[in-house]
N, C-alpha and C. Protein backbone atom coordinates (compact mmCIF):
# COMPACT_ATOMS: atom_id res chain seq x y z
N MET A 1 140.50 66.26 255.95
CA MET A 1 141.27 66.20 254.72
C MET A 1 140.93 64.81 254.06
N ILE A 2 140.61 64.94 252.77
CA ILE A 2 140.27 63.66 252.06
C ILE A 2 141.38 63.30 251.13
N PHE A 3 141.76 62.04 251.11
CA PHE A 3 142.84 61.59 250.23
C PHE A 3 142.16 60.62 249.25
N LEU A 4 142.40 60.88 248.00
CA LEU A 4 142.00 59.94 246.89
C LEU A 4 143.26 59.43 246.34
N LEU A 5 143.41 58.18 246.47
CA LEU A 5 144.63 57.51 246.01
C LEU A 5 144.33 56.59 244.85
N VAL A 6 145.14 56.80 243.74
CA VAL A 6 145.14 55.86 242.65
C VAL A 6 146.62 55.46 242.58
N ILE A 7 146.83 54.15 242.93
CA ILE A 7 148.14 53.70 243.02
C ILE A 7 148.47 52.69 241.94
N ASN A 8 149.61 52.89 241.27
CA ASN A 8 150.02 51.95 240.24
C ASN A 8 151.03 51.03 240.92
N VAL A 9 150.74 49.86 241.16
CA VAL A 9 151.65 48.95 241.89
C VAL A 9 153.00 48.83 241.23
N MET A 10 153.17 49.05 239.91
CA MET A 10 154.38 48.92 239.22
C MET A 10 155.30 50.13 239.64
N ASP A 11 154.77 51.20 240.21
CA ASP A 11 155.63 52.34 240.69
C ASP A 11 156.02 52.10 242.18
N ALA A 12 155.70 51.06 242.83
CA ALA A 12 155.95 50.92 244.19
C ALA A 12 157.50 50.59 244.44
N GLU A 13 157.98 51.03 245.56
CA GLU A 13 159.32 50.76 245.99
C GLU A 13 159.21 50.08 247.37
N VAL A 14 160.20 49.30 247.72
CA VAL A 14 160.22 48.63 249.01
C VAL A 14 161.23 49.15 249.89
N THR A 15 160.98 49.40 251.20
CA THR A 15 161.98 49.81 252.14
C THR A 15 161.66 49.03 253.38
N VAL A 16 162.68 49.11 254.34
CA VAL A 16 162.55 48.38 255.53
C VAL A 16 162.80 49.40 256.75
N MET A 17 161.98 49.27 257.84
CA MET A 17 162.14 50.09 258.94
C MET A 17 163.20 49.54 259.95
N SER A 18 164.08 50.43 260.40
CA SER A 18 165.11 50.01 261.36
C SER A 18 164.48 49.83 262.76
N GLU A 19 165.39 49.39 263.64
CA GLU A 19 164.86 49.20 265.10
C GLU A 19 164.55 50.54 265.69
N LYS A 20 165.08 51.60 265.14
CA LYS A 20 164.83 52.95 265.74
C LYS A 20 163.61 53.58 265.08
N GLY A 21 162.98 52.86 264.19
CA GLY A 21 161.81 53.36 263.47
C GLY A 21 162.21 54.25 262.20
N GLN A 22 163.39 54.16 261.87
CA GLN A 22 163.83 55.02 260.73
C GLN A 22 163.53 54.21 259.33
N VAL A 23 163.07 54.93 258.40
CA VAL A 23 162.74 54.42 257.08
C VAL A 23 163.55 55.11 256.06
N VAL A 24 164.22 54.39 255.19
CA VAL A 24 164.92 55.04 254.06
C VAL A 24 163.94 55.17 252.87
N ILE A 25 163.88 56.47 252.36
CA ILE A 25 163.11 56.71 251.18
C ILE A 25 163.99 56.35 250.01
N PRO A 26 163.58 55.51 249.08
CA PRO A 26 164.37 55.15 248.01
C PRO A 26 164.95 56.29 247.23
N LYS A 27 166.18 56.13 246.74
CA LYS A 27 166.90 57.17 246.10
C LYS A 27 166.13 57.78 244.93
N VAL A 28 165.46 56.94 244.04
CA VAL A 28 164.83 57.49 242.93
C VAL A 28 163.65 58.43 243.32
N LEU A 29 163.01 58.08 244.43
CA LEU A 29 161.98 59.00 244.89
C LEU A 29 162.50 60.25 245.58
N ARG A 30 163.61 60.16 246.33
CA ARG A 30 164.29 61.31 246.93
C ARG A 30 164.55 62.30 245.89
N LYS A 31 165.21 61.78 244.69
CA LYS A 31 165.65 62.59 243.62
C LYS A 31 164.40 63.31 242.93
N GLU A 32 163.39 62.46 242.65
CA GLU A 32 162.25 62.98 241.92
C GLU A 32 161.48 64.04 242.68
N LEU A 33 161.43 63.91 244.02
CA LEU A 33 160.78 64.82 244.92
C LEU A 33 161.70 65.92 245.52
N ASP A 34 162.97 65.92 245.19
CA ASP A 34 164.00 66.81 245.64
C ASP A 34 163.97 66.81 247.24
N LEU A 35 164.07 65.62 247.70
CA LEU A 35 164.17 65.44 249.18
C LEU A 35 165.69 65.37 249.56
N THR A 36 166.07 66.31 250.31
CA THR A 36 167.50 66.43 250.78
C THR A 36 167.60 66.26 252.30
N PRO A 37 168.75 66.08 252.82
CA PRO A 37 168.84 65.98 254.35
C PRO A 37 168.14 67.19 254.96
N LYS A 38 167.48 67.05 256.02
CA LYS A 38 166.85 68.02 256.79
C LYS A 38 165.47 68.47 256.21
N THR A 39 165.08 67.86 255.08
CA THR A 39 163.71 68.17 254.52
C THR A 39 162.69 67.66 255.54
N LYS A 40 161.78 68.49 255.80
CA LYS A 40 160.68 68.24 256.68
C LYS A 40 159.49 67.52 256.00
N LEU A 41 158.95 66.48 256.57
CA LEU A 41 157.88 65.70 256.03
C LEU A 41 156.78 65.65 256.93
N LEU A 42 155.50 65.87 256.40
CA LEU A 42 154.30 65.61 257.24
C LEU A 42 153.94 64.11 257.13
N VAL A 43 153.52 63.56 258.22
CA VAL A 43 153.13 62.15 258.18
C VAL A 43 151.65 62.04 258.63
N TYR A 44 150.86 61.41 257.62
CA TYR A 44 149.48 61.18 257.86
C TYR A 44 149.18 59.70 258.04
N LYS A 45 148.23 59.34 258.85
CA LYS A 45 147.83 58.00 259.06
C LYS A 45 146.43 57.82 258.70
N LYS A 46 145.98 56.88 257.89
CA LYS A 46 144.67 56.53 257.55
C LYS A 46 144.53 55.07 257.51
N ASP A 47 143.85 54.48 258.50
CA ASP A 47 143.72 53.08 258.71
C ASP A 47 145.11 52.45 258.76
N ASN A 48 145.52 51.56 257.79
CA ASN A 48 146.91 51.00 257.85
C ASN A 48 147.82 51.65 256.80
N LEU A 49 147.51 52.89 256.44
CA LEU A 49 148.19 53.53 255.37
C LEU A 49 149.00 54.74 255.99
N LEU A 50 150.22 54.94 255.59
CA LEU A 50 151.03 56.04 256.03
C LEU A 50 151.26 56.88 254.78
N ILE A 51 151.09 58.19 254.86
CA ILE A 51 151.31 59.09 253.77
C ILE A 51 152.36 60.16 254.25
N LEU A 52 153.41 60.28 253.44
CA LEU A 52 154.44 61.34 253.67
C LEU A 52 154.20 62.44 252.71
N LYS A 53 154.23 63.67 253.16
CA LYS A 53 154.12 64.84 252.33
C LYS A 53 155.22 65.78 252.60
N LYS A 54 155.89 66.19 251.52
CA LYS A 54 156.97 67.22 251.74
C LYS A 54 156.34 68.51 252.30
N LEU A 55 157.01 69.02 253.34
CA LEU A 55 156.51 70.23 253.97
C LEU A 55 157.25 71.42 253.37
N GLU A 56 156.48 72.29 252.68
CA GLU A 56 157.09 73.51 252.02
C GLU A 56 156.98 74.61 253.00
N ILE A 57 158.08 74.98 253.48
CA ILE A 57 158.20 76.19 254.35
C ILE A 57 158.64 77.39 253.62
N PRO A 58 157.79 78.42 253.57
CA PRO A 58 158.12 79.65 252.78
C PRO A 58 159.38 80.32 253.37
N ASP A 59 160.13 80.94 252.53
CA ASP A 59 161.29 81.77 252.85
C ASP A 59 160.77 83.15 253.34
N ILE A 60 160.58 83.36 254.57
CA ILE A 60 159.98 84.57 255.13
C ILE A 60 160.76 85.81 254.71
N VAL A 61 162.13 85.62 254.69
CA VAL A 61 162.99 86.86 254.44
C VAL A 61 162.69 87.27 252.98
N LYS A 62 162.64 86.27 252.01
CA LYS A 62 162.47 86.59 250.61
C LYS A 62 161.02 87.23 250.46
N GLU A 63 160.06 86.66 251.17
CA GLU A 63 158.67 87.19 251.04
C GLU A 63 158.65 88.64 251.61
N TRP A 64 159.32 88.92 252.70
CA TRP A 64 159.39 90.25 253.22
C TRP A 64 160.04 91.21 252.25
N ASP A 65 161.18 90.83 251.64
CA ASP A 65 161.89 91.59 250.64
C ASP A 65 160.93 91.97 249.42
N ASP A 66 160.16 90.96 249.07
CA ASP A 66 159.26 91.16 247.95
C ASP A 66 158.22 92.16 248.35
N ILE A 67 157.66 92.11 249.56
CA ILE A 67 156.71 93.07 250.01
C ILE A 67 157.30 94.47 250.09
N VAL A 68 158.52 94.63 250.63
CA VAL A 68 159.15 95.92 250.62
C VAL A 68 159.37 96.49 249.21
N LYS A 69 159.75 95.66 248.20
CA LYS A 69 159.96 96.08 246.87
C LYS A 69 158.62 96.56 246.23
N GLN A 70 157.55 95.82 246.50
CA GLN A 70 156.26 96.21 245.91
C GLN A 70 155.77 97.60 246.58
N MET A 71 156.09 97.72 247.90
CA MET A 71 155.72 98.98 248.49
C MET A 71 156.62 100.07 247.91
N SER A 72 157.83 99.94 247.68
CA SER A 72 158.66 100.93 247.13
C SER A 72 158.14 101.35 245.71
N LYS A 73 157.77 100.33 244.93
CA LYS A 73 157.33 100.56 243.50
C LYS A 73 156.14 101.49 243.62
N LYS A 74 155.25 101.23 244.61
CA LYS A 74 153.98 102.11 244.73
C LYS A 74 154.16 103.41 245.47
N GLY A 75 155.42 103.61 245.85
CA GLY A 75 155.69 104.92 246.61
C GLY A 75 155.16 104.82 248.07
N LEU A 76 154.91 103.66 248.59
CA LEU A 76 154.41 103.58 249.97
C LEU A 76 155.62 103.54 250.94
N LYS A 77 155.49 104.39 251.95
CA LYS A 77 156.55 104.45 252.98
C LYS A 77 155.86 104.17 254.35
N MET A 78 156.34 103.10 254.95
CA MET A 78 155.79 102.82 256.31
C MET A 78 157.00 102.47 257.16
N SER A 79 156.87 102.83 258.44
CA SER A 79 157.92 102.39 259.39
C SER A 79 157.61 101.04 259.94
N PHE A 80 158.61 100.37 260.51
CA PHE A 80 158.39 99.08 261.05
C PHE A 80 157.23 99.08 261.98
N GLU A 81 157.14 100.04 262.85
CA GLU A 81 156.10 100.17 263.89
C GLU A 81 154.76 100.24 263.16
N GLU A 82 154.56 101.04 262.15
CA GLU A 82 153.34 101.17 261.35
C GLU A 82 152.90 99.84 260.77
N ILE A 83 153.92 99.07 260.16
CA ILE A 83 153.69 97.78 259.64
C ILE A 83 153.20 96.87 260.69
N GLN A 84 153.84 96.88 261.87
CA GLN A 84 153.53 95.94 262.95
C GLN A 84 152.11 96.21 263.41
N LYS A 85 151.68 97.47 263.52
CA LYS A 85 150.35 97.87 263.87
C LYS A 85 149.30 97.33 262.96
N GLU A 86 149.62 97.38 261.60
CA GLU A 86 148.73 96.76 260.63
C GLU A 86 148.65 95.26 260.73
N VAL A 87 149.77 94.57 260.95
CA VAL A 87 149.75 93.13 261.10
C VAL A 87 148.99 92.74 262.40
N ASP A 88 149.16 93.50 263.47
CA ASP A 88 148.44 93.20 264.70
C ASP A 88 146.91 93.35 264.48
N ALA A 89 146.53 94.44 263.73
CA ALA A 89 145.09 94.77 263.48
C ALA A 89 144.53 93.56 262.70
N VAL A 90 145.19 93.08 261.65
CA VAL A 90 144.66 91.95 260.85
C VAL A 90 144.55 90.76 261.64
N ARG A 91 145.52 90.48 262.49
CA ARG A 91 145.46 89.25 263.36
C ARG A 91 144.23 89.32 264.32
N ALA A 92 144.15 90.52 264.89
CA ALA A 92 143.00 90.66 265.84
C ALA A 92 141.66 90.50 265.21
N ALA A 93 141.51 91.02 263.96
CA ALA A 93 140.25 90.88 263.31
C ALA A 93 140.02 89.42 262.85
N ASN A 94 141.01 88.66 262.74
CA ASN A 94 140.83 87.21 262.34
C ASN A 94 140.69 86.29 263.47
N ARG A 95 140.73 86.81 264.65
CA ARG A 95 140.51 85.95 265.82
C ARG A 95 139.10 85.68 266.12
């Protein structure tokens, strides 16, 4: 993974690490990035640079509902077992 950073020093915020290694993300950045309690963050290290990235976890239930709606629109009827066989076949082919 390659990171290209162009940093405007005027946009920098200062924070302090606690004895437990906890760091407070400044409120203005939390609000801008919609970081709420329990938000998962990926942490990358490059030399003496730490990068935090918000981890976007898809809503699997919503995605599944969308798939079922699309199948219904196309008149496709499959049992759970048939769907599982298809998923297993795709996974096996990708190994």
